[in-house]
Amino acid sequence: MKSSHAAIFIAFVFAVCSALAGAARAQDSAPSKQDDHSHADMVARGNSAKGMAFDAAKTTHHFILTDSGGQIDVAANDSEDTASRDEIRHHLQYITQKFKAGDFDIPMFVHDQVPPGAPAMKRLSDSIEYNYVATERGGRVAISTKNAEALAAIHDFLRFQIREHRTGDKP
């Protein structure tokens, strides 16, 4: 009889611990009010002329990791929104030029911090290629390298963008 009480007690303790651990994980993954405030600040900086100069609410960002680097893809949500499409294209062409020169001031301004990977991408700029491509609703910056250290930096940079912009892209 004692062993059955012990088994029930152990099962109860295990269930309580599992529930608490699950609640802690849910709390850790849920954005806090501070995270929401920080995200709103980032969006406001991005919407400014010094940032991306287009309305983030009217566009969709995607940050895609590839075997050779990755892609930054931005599109107007509405196919008829040619103003956002044109602003995206202008911005991504500008970003491509800046990144080629090792200049990451805009993402540092938008995110109010130095994005992970940016210092290495700047240092290794000679081994990274940036190519702008216009898309139907906006544009894309394809980033590629054959340098393993640069690849790791590009992936760090894009993972940060995925988290910060809350795109849901696969990190």
Protein backbone atom coordinates (compact mmCIF):
# COMPACT_ATOMS: atom_id res chain seq x y z
CA MET A 1 0.00 0.00 0.00
CA LYS A 2 2.83 2.38 0.80
CA SER A 3 4.36 1.91 -2.64
CA SER A 4 1.07 2.86 -4.35
CA HIS A 5 0.91 6.08 -2.27
CA ALA A 6 4.52 6.82 -3.21
CA ALA A 7 3.75 6.21 -6.89
CA ILE A 8 0.73 8.54 -6.74
CA PHE A 9 2.79 11.17 -4.95
CA ILE A 10 5.60 10.92 -7.53
CA ALA A 11 3.08 11.16 -10.37
CA PHE A 12 1.53 14.22 -8.73
CA VAL A 13 4.91 15.93 -8.25
CA PHE A 14 5.85 15.13 -11.85
CA ALA A 15 2.55 16.59 -13.13
CA VAL A 16 2.99 19.78 -11.08
CA CYS A 17 6.60 20.21 -12.23
CA SER A 18 5.61 19.63 -15.86
CA ALA A 19 2.81 22.18 -15.61
CA LEU A 20 5.12 24.76 -14.04
CA ALA A 21 7.81 24.16 -16.66
CA GLY A 22 5.23 24.53 -19.44
CA ALA A 23 3.95 27.78 -17.95
CA ALA A 24 7.51 29.10 -17.66
CA ARG A 25 8.24 28.24 -21.31
CA ALA A 26 5.01 29.92 -22.42
CA GLN A 27 5.89 33.01 -20.41
CA ASP A 28 9.40 33.10 -21.86
CA SER A 29 8.12 32.86 -25.44
CA ALA A 30 5.26 35.35 -25.06
CA PRO A 31 6.24 38.96 -25.80
CA SER A 32 6.19 41.08 -22.67
CA LYS A 33 4.77 44.58 -22.54
CA GLN A 34 8.39 45.79 -22.65
CA ASP A 35 9.00 43.67 -25.78
CA ASP A 36 5.86 45.11 -27.39
CA HIS A 37 7.00 48.65 -26.53
CA SER A 38 10.48 47.97 -27.92
CA HIS A 39 8.97 46.48 -31.08
CA ALA A 40 6.72 49.52 -31.52
CA ASP A 41 9.75 51.80 -31.11
CA MET A 42 11.66 49.78 -33.71
CA VAL A 43 8.75 50.01 -36.17
CA ALA A 44 8.51 53.78 -35.62
CA ARG A 45 12.25 54.21 -36.26
CA GLY A 46 11.96 52.01 -39.36
CA ASN A 47 9.05 54.02 -40.73
CA SER A 48 11.03 57.25 -40.45
CA ALA A 49 12.92 58.83 -43.34
CA LYS A 50 16.20 57.91 -41.62
CA GLY A 51 15.08 54.27 -41.40
CA MET A 52 13.35 52.38 -44.17
CA ALA A 53 11.16 55.31 -45.24
CA PHE A 54 8.10 53.15 -45.91
CA ASP A 55 5.21 52.06 -43.73
CA ALA A 56 5.94 48.67 -42.17
CA ALA A 57 2.19 48.07 -41.68
CA LYS A 58 1.68 48.21 -45.46
CA THR A 59 4.51 45.79 -46.21
CA THR A 60 5.76 42.30 -45.43
CA HIS A 61 9.37 41.49 -44.62
CA HIS A 62 10.98 38.08 -45.02
CA PHE A 63 14.49 37.11 -44.04
CA ILE A 64 15.55 33.83 -45.58
CA LEU A 65 18.68 31.86 -44.72
CA THR A 66 20.32 29.93 -47.56
CA ASP A 67 23.33 27.65 -47.85
CA SER A 68 25.34 30.51 -49.36
CA GLY A 69 23.94 33.41 -47.30
CA GLY A 70 20.39 34.63 -47.42
CA GLN A 71 17.81 37.06 -48.67
CA ILE A 72 16.02 40.14 -47.46
CA ASP A 73 12.65 40.29 -49.20
CA VAL A 74 10.16 43.13 -48.76
CA ALA A 75 6.82 43.42 -50.56
CA ALA A 76 3.85 45.75 -50.50
CA ASN A 77 0.84 43.94 -49.04
CA ASP A 78 -1.51 45.45 -51.62
CA SER A 79 -0.68 44.83 -55.28
CA GLU A 80 -2.18 48.25 -56.11
CA ASP A 81 0.07 50.07 -53.59
CA THR A 82 2.67 51.28 -56.08
CA ALA A 83 3.89 53.98 -53.70
CA SER A 84 5.00 51.37 -51.11
CA ARG A 85 6.40 49.16 -53.89
CA ASP A 86 8.51 52.04 -55.21
CA GLU A 87 9.66 53.08 -51.71
CA ILE A 88 10.70 49.47 -51.00
CA ARG A 89 12.66 49.28 -54.25
CA HIS A 90 14.43 52.54 -53.58
CA HIS A 91 15.27 51.52 -50.02
CA LEU A 92 16.57 48.07 -50.95
CA GLN A 93 18.73 49.48 -53.75
CA TYR A 94 20.16 51.96 -51.25
CA ILE A 95 20.68 49.24 -48.61
CA THR A 96 22.47 47.07 -51.18
CA GLN A 97 24.93 49.91 -51.89
CA LYS A 98 25.43 50.64 -48.18
CA PHE A 99 25.96 46.97 -47.24
CA LYS A 100 28.46 46.54 -50.11
CA ALA A 101 30.41 49.42 -48.58
CA GLY A 102 30.26 47.78 -45.13
CA ASP A 103 27.83 50.43 -43.83
CA PHE A 104 25.19 49.05 -41.46
CA ASP A 105 24.10 52.38 -39.95
CA ILE A 106 20.45 51.99 -41.03
CA PRO A 107 19.83 48.63 -39.32
CA MET A 108 21.71 49.96 -36.25
CA PHE A 109 19.39 53.00 -36.21
CA VAL A 110 16.19 50.99 -36.80
CA HIS A 111 17.01 48.42 -34.10
CA ASP A 112 18.71 50.89 -31.73
CA GLN A 113 21.63 48.47 -31.37
CA VAL A 114 24.36 46.81 -33.38
CA PRO A 115 22.71 43.77 -34.99
CA PRO A 116 24.53 40.48 -34.38
CA GLY A 117 26.69 39.61 -37.36
CA ALA A 118 26.97 43.21 -38.61
CA PRO A 119 30.52 43.85 -37.32
CA ALA A 120 31.82 40.67 -38.99
CA MET A 121 29.88 41.44 -42.18
CA LYS A 122 31.52 44.87 -42.22
CA ARG A 123 34.99 43.42 -41.61
CA LEU A 124 34.49 40.69 -44.24
CA SER A 125 32.71 42.92 -46.79
CA ASP A 126 35.19 41.96 -49.53
CA SER A 127 34.05 38.33 -49.31
CA ILE A 128 30.29 39.03 -49.37
CA GLU A 129 28.18 39.77 -52.44
CA TYR A 130 24.97 41.80 -52.29
CA ASN A 131 22.62 41.82 -55.27
CA TYR A 132 19.38 43.77 -55.54
CA VAL A 133 16.47 42.30 -57.54
CA ALA A 134 13.14 44.04 -58.17
CA THR A 135 10.08 41.87 -57.48
CA GLU A 136 6.45 42.34 -58.48
CA ARG A 137 5.52 44.08 -55.20
CA GLY A 138 8.90 45.31 -53.97
CA GLY A 139 12.39 43.93 -53.97
CA ARG A 140 14.96 41.53 -52.64
CA VAL A 141 18.58 41.72 -51.55
CA ALA A 142 20.39 38.44 -52.13
CA ILE A 143 23.43 38.03 -49.90
CA SER A 144 26.04 35.39 -50.66
CA THR A 145 29.53 34.31 -49.69
CA LYS A 146 31.94 31.39 -49.89
CA ASN A 147 33.61 32.39 -46.61
CA ALA A 148 32.46 30.30 -43.61
CA GLU A 149 32.93 33.13 -41.09
CA ALA A 150 31.00 35.55 -43.29
CA LEU A 151 28.24 32.95 -43.75
CA ALA A 152 27.87 32.57 -39.99
CA ALA A 153 27.71 36.37 -39.62
CA ILE A 154 25.07 36.68 -42.36
CA HIS A 155 22.97 34.01 -40.68
CA ASP A 156 23.33 35.74 -37.28
CA PHE A 157 22.25 39.02 -38.86
CA LEU A 158 19.21 37.47 -40.58
CA ARG A 159 18.12 35.51 -37.49
CA PHE A 160 18.18 38.77 -35.54
CA GLN A 161 16.02 40.42 -38.22
CA ILE A 162 13.56 37.51 -38.07
CA ARG A 163 13.20 37.92 -34.29
CA GLU A 164 13.06 41.71 -34.31
CA HIS A 165 10.58 42.02 -37.18
CA ARG A 166 8.58 39.01 -35.91
CA THR A 167 8.30 37.61 -39.43
CA GLY A 168 7.83 33.97 -38.46
CA ASP A 169 10.49 32.98 -41.00
CA LYS A 170 12.48 29.85 -40.24
CA PRO A 171 15.65 30.85 -38.38
